[in-house]
Amino acid sequence: MSLLEQRYRFVLRMLPASYRAEREEEMVDAFLDAAGDVRDEDNLRPGLREVASVAGLAVRTRIGGLGAPPRARATGDAVRLFALLGLGYHAALAWDNLAAQLALFGLNRSAPDEYLVTGEQWAWALLWIAQGLVWAAAFAMLALARMRPAKVLAVTALAAFVLTVAVRALMWPETMDWSTLAYLMVTALPVVALLTAYHADSPPVRASAPLTAAPLGVAVLYQALALTVGPRVADSPVESVGWLAPWLDPQGVATAALLVAGTVCLTRRANPSLLLALAIAAVPMIAARVPFGYLGAEGDGVQALTLTMFAQSAALAVLAVALTVAAMRALPRVGGAPGVGQGRSA
């Protein structure tokens, strides 16, 4: 076996074993025929385009779509559902942030004068609003089955967020902590899922105009919750605030929703794709709820807040494991080599 053939076979290890068992020899022969007569002394390696094509095929076979075996198809459906949930979460945050920024601009009476946006803060506030509206547009495009615009908008929003974090890291490095990295994970994973799961062989998405309004509805409900429950919690004893506050911020509400939805799905033996999607969604939220920033901090209510957030992350971890185990048991057994169907290009 030549050195180049070894390297080709190493690249093909990205593919599932069942796929390689059927097609590896054929693919290696095709690669070697294209390379021509070479010697080990030439030290040739697979080209970037060849590696990229194998990587794309690996995504389509592992995150299955049309023509994929049942297990790969169920996994693909789970990742696609996670992308929808993740973009919906970002869109809901965007509408909630818009309401908060309008208050800080003084357009309503809900914010004290000392918190109003002034001077250079306008630029940052407008940037966050614009970034949020891009997230909302990305979700709307996905709900309307406009896959290419959805991907472009999601990547644009992610790039803007990363750029913003980089600028803040340069200007105010003391503000960078674990929470920044955790939120970057929460932000990036749905975009990665969108780019990888909605590939050329993914099943056609059914457009749903009402779904585009779902994040706005969630944001309205959250604002109603904040306006009714928030003042009562703020007037509670400091220790009580520490126990309750972690359940009232957007991530806390998302945590509670995940715990309730996951428990219901477990008790009702839901579709394995839904179980797996919720398990995937729990992972970035676990990172976001671990209160590393509060460890060692002192003050009234800090201990209660830290313990509550640790309890949230632990409960999410247990739920994620339970969901994964239930999904793996419910998923169809591996059988046969994955085929690559003829789906609509995204």
C-alpha atoms as a PDB file:
ATOM      1  CA  MET A   1       0.000   0.000   0.000  1.00  0.00           C
ATOM      2  CA  SER A   2       1.459   3.341  -1.034  1.00  0.00           C
ATOM      3  CA  LEU A   3       1.782   6.316   1.291  1.00  0.00           C
ATOM      4  CA  LEU A   4      -0.819   8.251  -0.701  1.00  0.00           C
ATOM      5  CA  GLU A   5      -3.301   5.375  -0.459  1.00  0.00           C
ATOM      6  CA  GLN A   6      -2.798   5.269   3.318  1.00  0.00           C
ATOM      7  CA  ARG A   7      -3.557   8.943   3.503  1.00  0.00           C
ATOM      8  CA  TYR A   8      -6.694   8.578   1.386  1.00  0.00           C
ATOM      9  CA  ARG A   9      -7.912   5.767   3.618  1.00  0.00           C
ATOM     10  CA  PHE A  10      -7.222   7.924   6.670  1.00  0.00           C
ATOM     11  CA  VAL A  11      -9.377  10.720   5.223  1.00  0.00           C
ATOM     12  CA  LEU A  12     -12.168   8.246   4.460  1.00  0.00           C
ATOM     13  CA  ARG A  13     -12.324   7.334   8.151  1.00  0.00           C
ATOM     14  CA  MET A  14     -14.565  10.393   8.525  1.00  0.00           C
ATOM     15  CA  LEU A  15     -17.292   8.272   6.915  1.00  0.00           C
ATOM     16  CA  PRO A  16     -19.386   5.775   8.899  1.00  0.00           C
ATOM     17  CA  ALA A  17     -17.943   2.260   9.046  1.00  0.00           C
ATOM     18  CA  SER A  18     -20.968   0.799   7.269  1.00  0.00           C
ATOM     19  CA  TYR A  19     -20.517   3.222   4.379  1.00  0.00           C
ATOM     20  CA  ARG A  20     -16.790   2.467   4.120  1.00  0.00           C
ATOM     21  CA  ALA A  21     -17.437  -1.269   4.165  1.00  0.00           C
ATOM     22  CA  GLU A  22     -19.427  -0.940   0.938  1.00  0.00           C
ATOM     23  CA  ARG A  23     -17.699   1.878  -0.937  1.00  0.00           C
ATOM     24  CA  GLU A  24     -14.206   2.463   0.447  1.00  0.00           C
ATOM     25  CA  GLU A  25     -12.372   0.420  -2.176  1.00  0.00           C
ATOM     26  CA  GLU A  26     -14.274   2.087  -4.999  1.00  0.00           C
ATOM     27  CA  MET A  27     -13.517   5.556  -3.635  1.00  0.00           C
ATOM     28  CA  VAL A  28      -9.834   4.815  -3.029  1.00  0.00           C
ATOM     29  CA  ASP A  29      -9.459   3.490  -6.587  1.00  0.00           C
ATOM     30  CA  ALA A  30     -11.091   6.644  -7.948  1.00  0.00           C
ATOM     31  CA  PHE A  31      -8.788   8.898  -5.920  1.00  0.00           C
ATOM     32  CA  LEU A  32      -5.664   6.977  -6.966  1.00  0.00           C
ATOM     33  CA  ASP A  33      -6.685   6.959 -10.635  1.00  0.00           C
ATOM     34  CA  ALA A  34      -7.101  10.743 -10.489  1.00  0.00           C
ATOM     35  CA  ALA A  35      -3.679  11.103  -8.834  1.00  0.00           C
ATOM     36  CA  GLY A  36      -1.920   9.082 -11.544  1.00  0.00           C
ATOM     37  CA  ASP A  37       1.458   7.387 -11.109  1.00  0.00           C
ATOM     38  CA  VAL A  38       3.136   8.789  -7.997  1.00  0.00           C
ATOM     39  CA  ARG A  39       5.915   7.573  -5.729  1.00  0.00           C
ATOM     40  CA  ASP A  40       6.131   7.768  -1.960  1.00  0.00           C
ATOM     41  CA  GLU A  41       9.118  10.075  -2.400  1.00  0.00           C
ATOM     42  CA  ASP A  42       6.766  12.647  -3.952  1.00  0.00           C
ATOM     43  CA  ASN A  43       5.038  12.923  -0.536  1.00  0.00           C
ATOM     44  CA  LEU A  44       1.666  13.739  -2.108  1.00  0.00           C
ATOM     45  CA  ARG A  45      -1.384  14.299   0.091  1.00  0.00           C
ATOM     46  CA  PRO A  46      -5.122  14.383  -0.625  1.00  0.00           C
ATOM     47  CA  GLY A  47      -6.140  17.781  -1.961  1.00  0.00           C
ATOM     48  CA  LEU A  48      -8.277  20.193   0.030  1.00  0.00           C
ATOM     49  CA  ARG A  49     -11.174  19.776  -2.379  1.00  0.00           C
ATOM     50  CA  GLU A  50     -11.042  15.993  -1.972  1.00  0.00           C
ATOM     51  CA  VAL A  51     -10.952  16.292   1.817  1.00  0.00           C
ATOM     52  CA  ALA A  52     -13.822  18.798   1.744  1.00  0.00           C
ATOM     53  CA  SER A  53     -15.920  16.507  -0.463  1.00  0.00           C
ATOM     54  CA  VAL A  54     -15.385  13.590   1.927  1.00  0.00           C
ATOM     55  CA  ALA A  55     -16.226  15.816   4.894  1.00  0.00           C
ATOM     56  CA  GLY A  56     -19.450  16.925   3.214  1.00  0.00           C
ATOM     57  CA  LEU A  57     -20.360  13.327   2.452  1.00  0.00           C
ATOM     58  CA  ALA A  58     -19.644  12.404   6.073  1.00  0.00           C
ATOM     59  CA  VAL A  59     -22.083  15.071   7.241  1.00  0.00           C
ATOM     60  CA  ARG A  60     -24.804  13.869   4.868  1.00  0.00           C
ATOM     61  CA  THR A  61     -24.389  10.237   5.893  1.00  0.00           C
ATOM     62  CA  ARG A  62     -24.162  10.818   9.658  1.00  0.00           C
ATOM     63  CA  ILE A  63     -26.778  13.600   9.838  1.00  0.00           C
ATOM     64  CA  GLY A  64     -29.138  11.879   7.484  1.00  0.00           C
ATOM     65  CA  GLY A  65     -31.830  13.179   5.213  1.00  0.00           C
ATOM     66  CA  LEU A  66     -33.705  11.741   2.243  1.00  0.00           C
ATOM     67  CA  GLY A  67     -32.591   8.220   1.416  1.00  0.00           C
ATOM     68  CA  ALA A  68     -30.687   7.764   4.697  1.00  0.00           C
ATOM     69  CA  PRO A  69     -31.285   4.684   6.868  1.00  0.00           C
ATOM     70  CA  PRO A  70     -33.717   5.186   9.765  1.00  0.00           C
ATOM     71  CA  ARG A  71     -31.084   5.774  12.462  1.00  0.00           C
ATOM     72  CA  ALA A  72     -29.195   8.406  10.471  1.00  0.00           C
ATOM     73  CA  ARG A  73     -32.473  10.030   9.403  1.00  0.00           C
ATOM     74  CA  ALA A  74     -33.652  10.259  13.032  1.00  0.00           C
ATOM     75  CA  THR A  75     -30.334  11.819  14.035  1.00  0.00           C
ATOM     76  CA  GLY A  76     -30.589  14.321  11.194  1.00  0.00           C
ATOM     77  CA  ASP A  77     -34.149  15.233  12.173  1.00  0.00           C
ATOM     78  CA  ALA A  78     -32.958  15.832  15.751  1.00  0.00           C
ATOM     79  CA  VAL A  79     -30.184  18.195  14.663  1.00  0.00           C
ATOM     80  CA  ARG A  80     -32.565  20.042  12.337  1.00  0.00           C
ATOM     81  CA  LEU A  81     -35.086  20.446  15.160  1.00  0.00           C
ATOM     82  CA  PHE A  82     -32.332  21.724  17.470  1.00  0.00           C
ATOM     83  CA  ALA A  83     -31.365  24.311  14.836  1.00  0.00           C
ATOM     84  CA  LEU A  84     -34.995  25.476  14.688  1.00  0.00           C
ATOM     85  CA  LEU A  85     -35.249  25.675  18.483  1.00  0.00           C
ATOM     86  CA  GLY A  86     -31.900  27.442  18.782  1.00  0.00           C
ATOM     87  CA  LEU A  87     -32.698  30.081  16.174  1.00  0.00           C
ATOM     88  CA  GLY A  88     -36.136  30.530  17.750  1.00  0.00           C
ATOM     89  CA  TYR A  89     -34.454  31.139  21.118  1.00  0.00           C
ATOM     90  CA  HIS A  90     -32.183  33.787  19.606  1.00  0.00           C
ATOM     91  CA  ALA A  91     -35.134  35.410  17.834  1.00  0.00           C
ATOM     92  CA  ALA A  92     -37.143  35.562  21.074  1.00  0.00           C
ATOM     93  CA  LEU A  93     -34.143  37.123  22.836  1.00  0.00           C
ATOM     94  CA  ALA A  94     -33.934  39.651  20.009  1.00  0.00           C
ATOM     95  CA  TRP A  95     -37.529  40.811  20.472  1.00  0.00           C
ATOM     96  CA  ASP A  96     -37.105  40.925  24.240  1.00  0.00           C
ATOM     97  CA  ASN A  97     -33.902  42.931  23.832  1.00  0.00           C
ATOM     98  CA  LEU A  98     -35.712  45.336  21.508  1.00  0.00           C
ATOM     99  CA  ALA A  99     -38.308  46.025  24.210  1.00  0.00           C
ATOM    100  CA  ALA A 100     -35.556  46.528  26.799  1.00  0.00           C
ATOM    101  CA  GLN A 101     -33.618  48.898  24.551  1.00  0.00           C
ATOM    102  CA  LEU A 102     -36.728  50.942  23.782  1.00  0.00           C
ATOM    103  CA  ALA A 103     -37.134  51.416  27.516  1.00  0.00           C
ATOM    104  CA  LEU A 104     -33.508  52.490  27.888  1.00  0.00           C
ATOM    105  CA  PHE A 105     -33.939  54.968  25.036  1.00  0.00           C
ATOM    106  CA  GLY A 106     -36.616  56.649  27.128  1.00  0.00           C
ATOM    107  CA  LEU A 107     -39.452  55.705  24.779  1.00  0.00           C
ATOM    108  CA  ASN A 108     -41.495  54.510  27.743  1.00  0.00           C
ATOM    109  CA  ARG A 109     -41.496  55.158  31.483  1.00  0.00           C
ATOM    110  CA  SER A 110     -40.330  51.741  32.678  1.00  0.00           C
ATOM    111  CA  ALA A 111     -36.627  52.618  33.068  1.00  0.00           C
ATOM    112  CA  PRO A 112     -35.229  55.066  35.665  1.00  0.00           C
ATOM    113  CA  ASP A 113     -33.446  58.112  34.289  1.00  0.00           C
ATOM    114  CA  GLU A 114     -30.035  56.927  35.480  1.00  0.00           C
ATOM    115  CA  TYR A 115     -30.273  53.850  33.249  1.00  0.00           C
ATOM    116  CA  LEU A 116     -31.190  55.658  30.046  1.00  0.00           C
ATOM    117  CA  VAL A 117     -28.849  55.301  27.067  1.00  0.00           C
ATOM    118  CA  THR A 118     -26.630  58.332  26.538  1.00  0.00           C
ATOM    119  CA  GLY A 119     -23.566  59.329  24.511  1.00  0.00           C
ATOM    120  CA  GLU A 120     -21.519  56.500  23.029  1.00  0.00           C
ATOM    121  CA  GLN A 121     -23.895  53.922  24.513  1.00  0.00           C
ATOM    122  CA  TRP A 122     -26.237  54.663  21.615  1.00  0.00           C
ATOM    123  CA  ALA A 123     -23.889  52.962  19.174  1.00  0.00           C
ATOM    124  CA  TRP A 124     -23.722  49.769  21.247  1.00  0.00           C
ATOM    125  CA  ALA A 125     -27.473  49.751  21.822  1.00  0.00           C
ATOM    126  CA  LEU A 126     -28.231  50.182  18.125  1.00  0.00           C
ATOM    127  CA  LEU A 127     -25.703  47.458  17.308  1.00  0.00           C
ATOM    128  CA  TRP A 128     -27.408  44.990  19.645  1.00  0.00           C
ATOM    129  CA  ILE A 129     -30.817  45.868  18.203  1.00  0.00           C
ATOM    130  CA  ALA A 130     -29.590  45.379  14.626  1.00  0.00           C
ATOM    131  CA  GLN A 131     -27.895  42.102  15.518  1.00  0.00           C
ATOM    132  CA  GLY A 132     -31.074  40.856  17.177  1.00  0.00           C
ATOM    133  CA  LEU A 133     -33.211  41.740  14.174  1.00  0.00           C
ATOM    134  CA  VAL A 134     -30.863  39.682  11.986  1.00  0.00           C
ATOM    135  CA  TRP A 135     -31.459  36.692  14.275  1.00  0.00           C
ATOM    136  CA  ALA A 136     -35.213  37.247  14.022  1.00  0.00           C
ATOM    137  CA  ALA A 137     -34.972  37.431  10.235  1.00  0.00           C
ATOM    138  CA  ALA A 138     -32.885  34.230  10.125  1.00  0.00           C
ATOM    139  CA  PHE A 139     -35.537  32.332  12.085  1.00  0.00           C
ATOM    140  CA  ALA A 140     -38.299  33.756   9.904  1.00  0.00           C
ATOM    141  CA  MET A 141     -36.501  32.608   6.751  1.00  0.00           C
ATOM    142  CA  LEU A 142     -36.083  29.121   8.220  1.00  0.00           C
ATOM    143  CA  ALA A 143     -39.771  28.972   9.159  1.00  0.00           C
ATOM    144  CA  LEU A 144     -40.647  30.058   5.613  1.00  0.00           C
ATOM    145  CA  ALA A 145     -38.371  27.332   4.137  1.00  0.00           C
ATOM    146  CA  ARG A 146     -36.003  29.909   2.632  1.00  0.00           C
ATOM    147  CA  MET A 147     -32.894  27.946   3.511  1.00  0.00           C
ATOM    148  CA  ARG A 148     -30.187  29.933   1.771  1.00  0.00           C
ATOM    149  CA  PRO A 149     -31.244  33.326   3.210  1.00  0.00           C
ATOM    150  CA  ALA A 150     -31.649  31.687   6.622  1.00  0.00           C
ATOM    151  CA  LYS A 151     -28.074  30.395   6.530  1.00  0.00           C
ATOM    152  CA  VAL A 152     -26.647  33.696   5.302  1.00  0.00           C
ATOM    153  CA  LEU A 153     -28.485  35.690   7.974  1.00  0.00           C
ATOM    154  CA  ALA A 154     -27.571  33.262  10.764  1.00  0.00           C
ATOM    155  CA  VAL A 155     -23.877  33.315   9.822  1.00  0.00           C
ATOM    156  CA  THR A 156     -24.008  37.111   9.603  1.00  0.00           C
ATOM    157  CA  ALA A 157     -25.547  37.388  13.068  1.00  0.00           C
ATOM    158  CA  LEU A 158     -22.994  34.981  14.524  1.00  0.00           C
ATOM    159  CA  ALA A 159     -20.113  36.834  12.879  1.00  0.00           C
ATOM    160  CA  ALA A 160     -21.422  40.152  14.252  1.00  0.00           C
ATOM    161  CA  PHE A 161     -21.642  38.650  17.739  1.00  0.00           C
ATOM    162  CA  VAL A 162     -18.104  37.249  17.565  1.00  0.00           C
ATOM    163  CA  LEU A 163     -16.817  40.595  16.305  1.00  0.00           C
ATOM    164  CA  THR A 164     -18.582  42.404  19.139  1.00  0.00           C
ATOM    165  CA  VAL A 165     -17.073  40.052  21.704  1.00  0.00           C
ATOM    166  CA  ALA A 166     -13.620  40.520  20.175  1.00  0.00           C
ATOM    167  CA  VAL A 167     -13.928  44.319  20.329  1.00  0.00           C
ATOM    168  CA  ARG A 168     -15.072  44.198  23.951  1.00  0.00           C
ATOM    169  CA  ALA A 169     -12.213  41.848  24.803  1.00  0.00           C
ATOM    170  CA  LEU A 170      -9.751  44.376  23.395  1.00  0.00           C
ATOM    171  CA  MET A 171     -11.370  47.433  24.974  1.00  0.00           C
ATOM    172  CA  TRP A 172     -12.519  45.977  28.294  1.00  0.00           C
ATOM    173  CA  PRO A 173     -10.650  42.693  28.897  1.00  0.00           C
ATOM    174  CA  GLU A 174     -11.775  42.641  32.527  1.00  0.00           C
ATOM    175  CA  THR A 175     -15.355  41.966  31.369  1.00  0.00           C
ATOM    176  CA  MET A 176     -14.427  38.678  29.691  1.00  0.00           C
ATOM    177  CA  ASP A 177     -15.221  35.613  31.795  1.00  0.00           C
ATOM    178  CA  TRP A 178     -16.708  32.142  31.571  1.00  0.00           C
ATOM    179  CA  SER A 179     -20.174  33.508  30.872  1.00  0.00           C
ATOM    180  CA  THR A 180     -18.911  35.085  27.635  1.00  0.00           C
ATOM    181  CA  LEU A 181     -17.542  31.760  26.387  1.00  0.00           C
ATOM    182  CA  ALA A 182     -20.707  29.964  27.478  1.00  0.00           C
ATOM    183  CA  TYR A 183     -22.931  32.416  25.631  1.00  0.00           C
ATOM    184  CA  LEU A 184     -20.706  32.093  22.576  1.00  0.00           C
ATOM    185  CA  MET A 185     -21.389  28.348  22.711  1.00  0.00           C
ATOM    186  CA  VAL A 186     -25.129  28.959  23.069  1.00  0.00           C
ATOM    187  CA  THR A 187     -24.986  31.307  20.086  1.00  0.00           C
ATOM    188  CA  ALA A 188     -22.810  29.235  17.768  1.00  0.00           C
ATOM    189  CA  LEU A 189     -24.227  25.709  18.126  1.00  0.00           C
ATOM    190  CA  PRO A 190     -27.616  26.374  16.466  1.00  0.00           C
ATOM    191  CA  VAL A 191     -25.822  27.991  13.527  1.00  0.00           C
ATOM    192  CA  VAL A 192     -23.519  24.981  13.179  1.00  0.00           C
ATOM    193  CA  ALA A 193     -26.577  22.721  13.307  1.00  0.00           C
ATOM    194  CA  LEU A 194     -28.306  24.808  10.650  1.00  0.00           C
ATOM    195  CA  LEU A 195     -25.321  24.646   8.298  1.00  0.00           C
ATOM    196  CA  THR A 196     -24.679  20.925   8.740  1.00  0.00           C
ATOM    197  CA  ALA A 197     -28.169  19.416   9.049  1.00  0.00           C
ATOM    198  CA  TYR A 198     -29.919  21.338   6.272  1.00  0.00           C
ATOM    199  CA  HIS A 199     -27.759  19.955   3.489  1.00  0.00           C
ATOM    200  CA  ALA A 200     -28.464  18.930  -0.088  1.00  0.00           C
ATOM    201  CA  ASP A 201     -30.153  15.681   0.995  1.00  0.00           C
ATOM    202  CA  SER A 202     -32.232  17.045   3.874  1.00  0.00           C
ATOM    203  CA  PRO A 203     -36.008  16.690   3.511  1.00  0.00           C
ATOM    204  CA  PRO A 204     -37.891  19.716   2.170  1.00  0.00           C
ATOM    205  CA  VAL A 205     -38.983  22.123   4.887  1.00  0.00           C
ATOM    206  CA  ARG A 206     -42.688  22.882   5.086  1.00  0.00           C
ATOM    207  CA  ALA A 207     -43.135  26.655   5.159  1.00  0.00           C
ATOM    208  CA  SER A 208     -45.167  27.977   8.081  1.00  0.00           C
ATOM    209  CA  ALA A 209     -46.009  31.675   8.144  1.00  0.00           C
ATOM    210  CA  PRO A 210     -47.568  31.527  11.665  1.00  0.00           C
ATOM    211  CA  LEU A 211     -44.354  30.011  13.011  1.00  0.00           C
ATOM    212  CA  THR A 212     -42.458  33.184  12.145  1.00  0.00           C
ATOM    213  CA  ALA A 213     -44.407  35.010  14.877  1.00  0.00           C
ATOM    214  CA  ALA A 214     -43.691  32.423  17.588  1.00  0.00           C
ATOM    215  CA  PRO A 215     -40.536  34.155  18.965  1.00  0.00           C
ATOM    216  CA  LEU A 216     -42.377  37.479  19.160  1.00  0.00           C
ATOM    217  CA  GLY A 217     -45.193  35.793  21.064  1.00  0.00           C
ATOM    218  CA  VAL A 218     -42.711  34.229  23.480  1.00  0.00           C
ATOM    219  CA  ALA A 219     -41.060  37.625  24.013  1.00  0.00           C
ATOM    220  CA  VAL A 220     -44.434  39.251  24.734  1.00  0.00           C
ATOM    221  CA  LEU A 221     -45.252  36.555  27.296  1.00  0.00           C
ATOM    222  CA  TYR A 222     -41.841  37.004  28.895  1.00  0.00           C
ATOM    223  CA  GLN A 223     -42.308  40.774  29.109  1.00  0.00           C
ATOM    224  CA  ALA A 224     -45.696  40.201  30.758  1.00  0.00           C
ATOM    225  CA  LEU A 225     -44.021  37.843  33.239  1.00  0.00           C
ATOM    226  CA  ALA A 226     -41.265  40.360  33.943  1.00  0.00           C
ATOM    227  CA  LEU A 227     -43.722  43.209  34.490  1.00  0.00           C
ATOM    228  CA  THR A 228     -46.000  41.226  36.814  1.00  0.00           C
ATOM    229  CA  VAL A 229     -43.681  38.919  38.751  1.00  0.00           C
ATOM    230  CA  GLY A 230     -40.478  40.960  38.551  1.00  0.00           C
ATOM    231  CA  PRO A 231     -41.529  43.803  40.879  1.00  0.00           C
ATOM    232  CA  ARG A 232     -42.842  41.342  43.476  1.00  0.00           C
ATOM    233  CA  VAL A 233     -39.551  39.442  43.471  1.00  0.00           C
ATOM    234  CA  ALA A 234     -37.597  42.693  43.705  1.00  0.00           C
ATOM    235  CA  ASP A 235     -39.570  43.639  46.843  1.00  0.00           C
ATOM    236  CA  SER A 236     -38.875  40.251  48.455  1.00  0.00           C
ATOM    237  CA  PRO A 237     -36.115  39.689  51.046  1.00  0.00           C
ATOM    238  CA  VAL A 238     -32.625  39.567  49.546  1.00  0.00           C
ATOM    239  CA  GLU A 239     -32.228  35.846  50.244  1.00  0.00           C
ATOM    240  CA  SER A 240     -35.496  35.093  48.445  1.00  0.00           C
ATOM    241  CA  VAL A 241     -34.355  37.122  45.456  1.00  0.00           C
ATOM    242  CA  GLY A 242     -31.264  34.908  45.236  1.00  0.00           C
ATOM    243  CA  TRP A 243     -33.421  31.784  45.029  1.00  0.00           C
ATOM    244  CA  LEU A 244     -35.968  33.193  42.573  1.00  0.00           C
ATOM    245  CA  ALA A 245     -33.993  35.482  40.245  1.00  0.00           C
ATOM    246  CA  PRO A 246     -32.163  32.656  38.363  1.00  0.00           C
ATOM    247  CA  TRP A 247     -35.555  31.374  37.197  1.00  0.00           C
ATOM    248  CA  LEU A 248     -36.716  34.730  35.846  1.00  0.00           C
ATOM    249  CA  ASP A 249     -33.962  35.808  33.453  1.00  0.00           C
ATOM    250  CA  PRO A 250     -34.306  34.555  29.828  1.00  0.00           C
ATOM    251  CA  GLN A 251     -31.854  31.679  30.339  1.00  0.00           C
ATOM    252  CA  GLY A 252     -33.646  30.717  33.541  1.00  0.00           C
ATOM    253  CA  VAL A 253     -37.000  30.615  31.772  1.00  0.00           C
ATOM    254  CA  ALA A 254     -35.438  28.575  28.946  1.00  0.00           C
ATOM    255  CA  THR A 255     -33.986  26.202  31.556  1.00  0.00           C
ATOM    256  CA  ALA A 256     -37.381  25.726  33.163  1.00  0.00           C
ATOM    257  CA  ALA A 257     -38.986  25.149  29.759  1.00  0.00           C
ATOM    258  CA  LEU A 258     -36.361  22.545  28.873  1.00  0.00           C
ATOM    259  CA  LEU A 259     -36.820  20.723  32.183  1.00  0.00           C
ATOM    260  CA  VAL A 260     -40.601  20.617  31.807  1.00  0.00           C
ATOM    261  CA  ALA A 261     -40.547  19.663  28.113  1.00  0.00           C
ATOM    262  CA  GLY A 262     -37.861  17.019  28.638  1.00  0.00           C
ATOM    263  CA  THR A 263     -39.689  15.445  31.572  1.00  0.00           C
ATOM    264  CA  VAL A 264     -42.964  15.331  29.646  1.00  0.00           C
ATOM    265  CA  CYS A 265     -41.248  13.764  26.615  1.00  0.00           C
ATOM    266  CA  LEU A 266     -39.576  11.136  28.806  1.00  0.00           C
ATOM    267  CA  THR A 267     -42.804  10.142  30.527  1.00  0.00           C
ATOM    268  CA  ARG A 268     -44.726   9.974  27.249  1.00  0.00           C
ATOM    269  CA  ARG A 269     -42.003   8.187  25.271  1.00  0.00           C
ATOM    270  CA  ALA A 270     -41.775  10.853  22.614  1.00  0.00           C
ATOM    271  CA  ASN A 271     -40.235  10.508  19.177  1.00  0.00           C
ATOM    272  CA  PRO A 272     -36.473   9.781  19.497  1.00  0.00           C
ATOM    273  CA  SER A 273     -35.624  12.760  17.309  1.00  0.00           C
ATOM    274  CA  LEU A 274     -37.430  15.077  19.726  1.00  0.00           C
ATOM    275  CA  LEU A 275     -35.701  13.458  22.703  1.00  0.00           C
ATOM    276  CA  LEU A 276     -32.306  13.859  21.098  1.00  0.00           C
ATOM    277  CA  ALA A 277     -33.021  17.452  20.037  1.00  0.00           C
ATOM    278  CA  LEU A 278     -33.886  18.425  23.614  1.00  0.00           C
ATOM    279  CA  ALA A 279     -30.754  16.654  24.871  1.00  0.00           C
ATOM    280  CA  ILE A 280     -28.617  18.645  22.435  1.00  0.00           C
ATOM    281  CA  ALA A 281     -30.354  21.881  23.469  1.00  0.00           C
ATOM    282  CA  ALA A 282     -29.604  21.178  27.126  1.00  0.00           C
ATOM    283  CA  VAL A 283     -25.821  21.024  26.581  1.00  0.00           C
ATOM    284  CA  PRO A 284     -25.128  24.710  25.812  1.00  0.00           C
ATOM    285  CA  MET A 285     -27.630  25.756  28.474  1.00  0.00           C
ATOM    286  CA  ILE A 286     -25.708  23.730  31.066  1.00  0.00           C
ATOM    287  CA  ALA A 287     -22.579  25.713  30.215  1.00  0.00           C
ATOM    288  CA  ALA A 288     -24.523  28.968  30.432  1.00  0.00           C
ATOM    289  CA  ARG A 289     -25.990  28.209  33.878  1.00  0.00           C
ATOM    290  CA  VAL A 290     -22.796  27.093  35.653  1.00  0.00           C
ATOM    291  CA  PRO A 291     -22.163  30.140  37.912  1.00  0.00           C
ATOM    292  CA  PHE A 292     -18.379  30.301  37.731  1.00  0.00           C
ATOM    293  CA  GLY A 293     -18.567  34.091  37.846  1.00  0.00           C
ATOM    294  CA  TYR A 294     -20.161  33.988  41.307  1.00  0.00           C
ATOM    295  CA  LEU A 295     -17.744  31.539  42.928  1.00  0.00           C
ATOM    296  CA  GLY A 296     -15.992  33.277  45.794  1.00  0.00           C
ATOM    297  CA  ALA A 297     -18.216  36.348  45.496  1.00  0.00           C
ATOM    298  CA  GLU A 298     -19.708  37.819  48.631  1.00  0.00           C
ATOM    299  CA  GLY A 299     -22.900  39.709  49.262  1.00  0.00           C
ATOM    300  CA  ASP A 300     -26.497  39.272  50.278  1.00  0.00           C
ATOM    301  CA  GLY A 301     -28.235  36.610  48.244  1.00  0.00           C
ATOM    302  CA  VAL A 302     -25.127  35.579  46.289  1.00  0.00           C
ATOM    303  CA  GLN A 303     -24.923  32.171  47.945  1.00  0.00           C
ATOM    304  CA  ALA A 304     -28.568  31.418  47.203  1.00  0.00           C
ATOM    305  CA  LEU A 305     -28.147  32.550  43.599  1.00  0.00           C
ATOM    306  CA  THR A 306     -25.026  30.397  43.151  1.00  0.00           C
ATOM    307  CA  LEU A 307     -26.657  27.296  44.605  1.00  0.00           C
ATOM    308  CA  THR A 308     -29.760  27.773  42.464  1.00  0.00           C
ATOM    309  CA  MET A 309     -27.749  28.075  39.262  1.00  0.00           C
ATOM    310  CA  PHE A 310     -25.679  25.008  40.187  1.00  0.00           C
ATOM    311  CA  ALA A 311     -28.926  23.123  40.793  1.00  0.00           C
ATOM    312  CA  GLN A 312     -30.208  24.221  37.399  1.00  0.00           C
ATOM    313  CA  SER A 313     -27.087  23.069  35.579  1.00  0.00           C
ATOM    314  CA  ALA A 314     -27.103  19.741  37.475  1.00  0.00           C
ATOM    315  CA  ALA A 315     -30.777  19.145  36.676  1.00  0.00           C
ATOM    316  CA  LEU A 316     -30.129  19.902  33.006  1.00  0.00           C
ATOM    317  CA  ALA A 317     -27.177  17.494  32.986  1.00  0.00           C
ATOM    318  CA  VAL A 318     -29.282  14.680  34.461  1.00  0.00           C
ATOM    319  CA  LEU A 319     -32.061  15.442  31.988  1.00  0.00           C
ATOM    320  CA  ALA A 320     -29.647  15.477  29.035  1.00  0.00           C
ATOM    321  CA  VAL A 321     -28.287  12.051  29.996  1.00  0.00           C
ATOM    322  CA  ALA A 322     -31.771  10.619  30.472  1.00  0.00           C
ATOM    323  CA  LEU A 323     -32.956  12.040  27.148  1.00  0.00           C
ATOM    324  CA  THR A 324     -29.906  10.708  25.334  1.00  0.00           C
ATOM    325  CA  VAL A 325     -30.294   7.225  26.795  1.00  0.00           C
ATOM    326  CA  ALA A 326     -34.012   7.154  25.951  1.00  0.00           C
ATOM    327  CA  ALA A 327     -33.315   8.400  22.422  1.00  0.00           C
ATOM    328  CA  MET A 328     -30.559   5.848  21.814  1.00  0.00           C
ATOM    329  CA  ARG A 329     -32.844   3.048  22.956  1.00  0.00           C
ATOM    330  CA  ALA A 330     -35.655   4.251  20.730  1.00  0.00           C
ATOM    331  CA  LEU A 331     -33.538   4.907  17.646  1.00  0.00           C
ATOM    332  CA  PRO A 332     -33.601   2.202  14.971  1.00  0.00           C
ATOM    333  CA  ARG A 333     -30.693  -0.209  14.927  1.00  0.00           C
ATOM    334  CA  VAL A 334     -27.869   0.414  12.481  1.00  0.00           C
ATOM    335  CA  GLY A 335     -28.349  -1.687   9.408  1.00  0.00           C
ATOM    336  CA  GLY A 336     -27.016  -1.307   5.925  1.00  0.00           C
ATOM    337  CA  ALA A 337     -24.887   1.377   4.412  1.00  0.00           C
ATOM    338  CA  PRO A 338     -26.272   4.884   4.380  1.00  0.00           C
ATOM    339  CA  GLY A 339     -27.431   6.034   1.036  1.00  0.00           C
ATOM    340  CA  VAL A 340     -27.377   9.591  -0.143  1.00  0.00           C
ATOM    341  CA  GLY A 341     -30.786  10.602  -1.403  1.00  0.00           C
ATOM    342  CA  GLN A 342     -31.633  13.182  -3.974  1.00  0.00           C
ATOM    343  CA  GLY A 343     -32.824  16.053  -1.828  1.00  0.00           C
ATOM    344  CA  ARG A 344     -33.376  19.668  -2.582  1.00  0.00           C
ATOM    345  CA  SER A 345     -30.255  21.788  -2.350  1.00  0.00           C
ATOM    346  CA  ALA A 346     -30.298  24.272   0.474  1.00  0.00           C
END
